[in-house]
């Protein structure tokens, strides 16, 4: 099973051996290690992967998980 963790003001942490990451053309990315982090701020120089730039630019996320009503 895959788990995606939304980190506060940071990246998406993706964990699980059954995860495949593909681009919009269907090309698969080679993932060197697990877990891996995906960029959420849009400023990474290594998109779609996180390179820690969110910390340098002061990225602040608005969303948080809330119970469905």
N, C-alpha and C. Protein backbone atom coordinates (compact mmCIF):
# COMPACT_ATOMS: atom_id res chain seq x y z
N UNK A 1 0.84 -1.19 0.00
CA UNK A 1 0.00 0.00 0.00
C UNK A 1 0.88 1.25 0.00
N UNK A 2 0.47 2.24 -0.72
CA UNK A 2 1.18 3.51 -0.77
C UNK A 2 0.59 4.48 0.23
N UNK A 3 1.46 5.31 0.80
CA UNK A 3 1.03 6.36 1.72
C UNK A 3 1.63 7.67 1.24
N UNK A 4 0.78 8.69 1.09
CA UNK A 4 1.25 10.02 0.73
C UNK A 4 0.96 10.93 1.92
N UNK A 5 2.02 11.51 2.47
CA UNK A 5 1.89 12.38 3.63
C UNK A 5 2.10 13.82 3.18
N UNK A 6 1.13 14.67 3.49
CA UNK A 6 1.25 16.09 3.20
C UNK A 6 1.99 16.72 4.37
N UNK A 7 3.20 17.16 4.11
CA UNK A 7 4.00 17.77 5.17
C UNK A 7 3.64 19.24 5.32
N UNK A 8 3.58 19.70 6.56
CA UNK A 8 3.21 21.08 6.82
C UNK A 8 4.23 22.02 6.17
N UNK A 9 3.75 22.87 5.27
CA UNK A 9 4.58 23.83 4.56
C UNK A 9 5.77 23.19 3.84
N UNK A 10 5.57 21.94 3.41
CA UNK A 10 6.65 21.22 2.74
C UNK A 10 6.16 20.35 1.62
N UNK A 11 6.90 19.31 1.38
CA UNK A 11 6.66 18.42 0.25
C UNK A 11 5.59 17.37 0.55
N UNK A 12 5.27 16.60 -0.49
CA UNK A 12 4.47 15.38 -0.34
C UNK A 12 5.45 14.23 -0.17
N UNK A 13 5.38 13.54 0.95
CA UNK A 13 6.24 12.37 1.18
C UNK A 13 5.48 11.14 0.68
N UNK A 14 6.09 10.41 -0.24
CA UNK A 14 5.48 9.24 -0.85
C UNK A 14 6.23 8.00 -0.40
N UNK A 15 5.50 7.08 0.23
CA UNK A 15 6.12 5.88 0.77
C UNK A 15 5.35 4.66 0.30
N UNK A 16 6.07 3.61 -0.02
CA UNK A 16 5.44 2.36 -0.44
C UNK A 16 6.15 1.79 -1.66
N UNK A 17 6.26 0.49 -1.71
CA UNK A 17 6.94 -0.16 -2.82
C UNK A 17 6.05 -0.31 -4.05
N UNK A 18 4.75 -0.11 -3.89
CA UNK A 18 3.82 -0.31 -5.00
C UNK A 18 3.44 1.00 -5.68
N UNK A 19 4.31 2.02 -5.59
CA UNK A 19 4.05 3.33 -6.19
C UNK A 19 4.84 3.46 -7.48
N UNK A 20 4.17 3.95 -8.52
CA UNK A 20 4.84 4.23 -9.79
C UNK A 20 4.55 5.69 -10.11
N UNK A 21 5.58 6.45 -10.46
CA UNK A 21 5.45 7.86 -10.80
C UNK A 21 5.65 8.01 -12.30
N UNK A 22 4.64 8.56 -12.97
CA UNK A 22 4.71 8.74 -14.42
C UNK A 22 4.42 10.19 -14.78
N UNK A 23 5.00 10.66 -15.91
CA UNK A 23 4.72 12.02 -16.37
C UNK A 23 3.46 12.03 -17.22
N UNK A 24 3.11 13.21 -17.75
CA UNK A 24 1.87 13.36 -18.52
C UNK A 24 1.88 12.59 -19.83
N UNK A 25 3.06 12.13 -20.26
CA UNK A 25 3.15 11.33 -21.47
C UNK A 25 3.17 9.83 -21.19
N UNK A 26 3.09 9.48 -19.91
CA UNK A 26 3.11 8.08 -19.54
C UNK A 26 4.50 7.51 -19.30
N UNK A 27 5.53 8.37 -19.34
CA UNK A 27 6.90 7.92 -19.10
C UNK A 27 7.13 7.78 -17.60
N UNK A 28 7.71 6.65 -17.22
CA UNK A 28 7.92 6.37 -15.80
C UNK A 28 9.24 6.97 -15.31
N UNK A 29 9.19 7.60 -14.14
CA UNK A 29 10.40 8.09 -13.49
C UNK A 29 11.06 6.93 -12.76
N UNK A 30 12.38 6.91 -12.78
CA UNK A 30 13.12 5.93 -12.00
C UNK A 30 13.31 6.50 -10.59
N UNK A 31 12.85 5.78 -9.60
CA UNK A 31 12.93 6.22 -8.21
C UNK A 31 14.09 5.49 -7.56
N UNK A 32 15.10 6.24 -7.14
CA UNK A 32 16.32 5.64 -6.59
C UNK A 32 16.12 5.11 -5.17
N UNK A 33 15.28 5.76 -4.38
CA UNK A 33 15.09 5.30 -3.00
C UNK A 33 13.67 5.59 -2.55
N UNK A 34 13.24 4.90 -1.56
CA UNK A 34 11.93 5.09 -0.95
C UNK A 34 12.12 5.41 0.52
N UNK A 35 11.37 6.25 1.12
CA UNK A 35 10.37 7.12 0.50
C UNK A 35 11.03 8.22 -0.32
N UNK A 36 10.20 8.92 -1.12
CA UNK A 36 10.69 10.05 -1.88
C UNK A 36 9.73 11.21 -1.66
N UNK A 37 10.19 12.42 -2.01
CA UNK A 37 9.38 13.62 -1.77
C UNK A 37 9.09 14.32 -3.09
N UNK A 38 7.84 14.73 -3.26
CA UNK A 38 7.42 15.47 -4.44
C UNK A 38 7.24 16.95 -4.07
N UNK A 39 7.65 17.82 -4.98
CA UNK A 39 7.55 19.26 -4.77
C UNK A 39 6.08 19.68 -4.69
N UNK A 40 5.80 20.58 -3.77
CA UNK A 40 4.46 21.14 -3.64
C UNK A 40 4.47 22.65 -3.80
N UNK A 41 5.65 23.27 -3.65
CA UNK A 41 5.72 24.73 -3.72
C UNK A 41 5.87 25.24 -5.15
N UNK A 42 6.34 24.39 -6.05
CA UNK A 42 6.52 24.78 -7.44
C UNK A 42 7.87 25.40 -7.76
N UNK A 43 8.75 25.51 -6.77
CA UNK A 43 10.03 26.19 -6.97
C UNK A 43 11.24 25.26 -7.04
N UNK A 44 11.04 23.96 -6.91
CA UNK A 44 12.16 23.02 -6.96
C UNK A 44 12.87 23.07 -8.30
N UNK A 45 14.19 22.96 -8.27
CA UNK A 45 14.97 22.88 -9.51
C UNK A 45 15.01 21.44 -10.01
N UNK A 46 14.44 20.51 -9.26
CA UNK A 46 14.48 19.09 -9.60
C UNK A 46 13.06 18.52 -9.70
N UNK A 47 12.11 19.31 -10.24
CA UNK A 47 10.72 18.87 -10.34
C UNK A 47 10.63 17.57 -11.11
N UNK A 48 9.76 16.67 -10.75
CA UNK A 48 8.70 16.83 -9.76
C UNK A 48 9.17 16.55 -8.33
N UNK A 49 10.46 16.33 -8.15
CA UNK A 49 10.96 15.98 -6.82
C UNK A 49 11.29 17.23 -6.01
N UNK A 50 11.17 17.12 -4.72
CA UNK A 50 11.48 18.22 -3.80
C UNK A 50 12.99 18.32 -3.63
N UNK A 51 13.49 19.55 -3.64
CA UNK A 51 14.91 19.79 -3.36
C UNK A 51 15.11 20.68 -2.14
N UNK A 52 14.05 20.93 -1.38
CA UNK A 52 14.14 21.72 -0.16
C UNK A 52 13.97 23.21 -0.36
N UNK A 53 13.71 23.65 -1.58
CA UNK A 53 13.56 25.08 -1.87
C UNK A 53 12.42 25.70 -1.08
N UNK A 54 11.39 24.92 -0.74
CA UNK A 54 10.25 25.47 0.01
C UNK A 54 10.70 26.15 1.30
N UNK A 55 11.74 25.63 1.93
CA UNK A 55 12.26 26.23 3.16
C UNK A 55 12.92 27.58 2.88
N UNK A 56 13.62 27.67 1.77
CA UNK A 56 14.35 28.90 1.43
C UNK A 56 13.42 30.03 1.02
N UNK A 57 12.28 29.68 0.41
CA UNK A 57 11.36 30.73 -0.08
C UNK A 57 10.23 31.02 0.89
N UNK A 58 10.17 30.29 1.99
CA UNK A 58 9.14 30.52 2.99
C UNK A 58 7.76 30.05 2.57
N UNK A 59 7.70 28.95 1.84
CA UNK A 59 6.42 28.40 1.37
C UNK A 59 5.48 28.15 2.54
N UNK A 60 4.25 28.62 2.42
CA UNK A 60 3.21 28.40 3.43
C UNK A 60 2.00 27.76 2.75
N UNK A 61 1.66 26.58 3.16
CA UNK A 61 0.51 25.87 2.59
C UNK A 61 -0.76 26.24 3.32
N UNK A 62 -1.85 26.26 2.61
CA UNK A 62 -3.14 26.64 3.19
C UNK A 62 -3.95 25.42 3.62
N UNK A 63 -3.71 24.28 3.00
CA UNK A 63 -4.59 23.14 3.22
C UNK A 63 -4.14 22.25 4.37
N UNK A 64 -5.12 21.60 4.96
CA UNK A 64 -4.92 20.60 5.99
C UNK A 64 -6.08 19.62 5.90
N UNK A 65 -5.83 18.40 6.32
CA UNK A 65 -6.90 17.39 6.27
C UNK A 65 -7.98 17.74 7.28
N UNK A 66 -9.21 17.67 6.85
CA UNK A 66 -10.36 17.91 7.74
C UNK A 66 -11.37 16.80 7.54
N UNK A 67 -12.13 16.49 8.58
CA UNK A 67 -13.14 15.42 8.45
C UNK A 67 -14.21 15.82 7.41
N UNK A 68 -14.64 14.83 6.65
CA UNK A 68 -15.72 15.08 5.69
C UNK A 68 -17.02 15.28 6.44
N UNK A 69 -17.80 16.23 6.00
CA UNK A 69 -19.02 16.60 6.72
C UNK A 69 -20.17 15.86 6.25
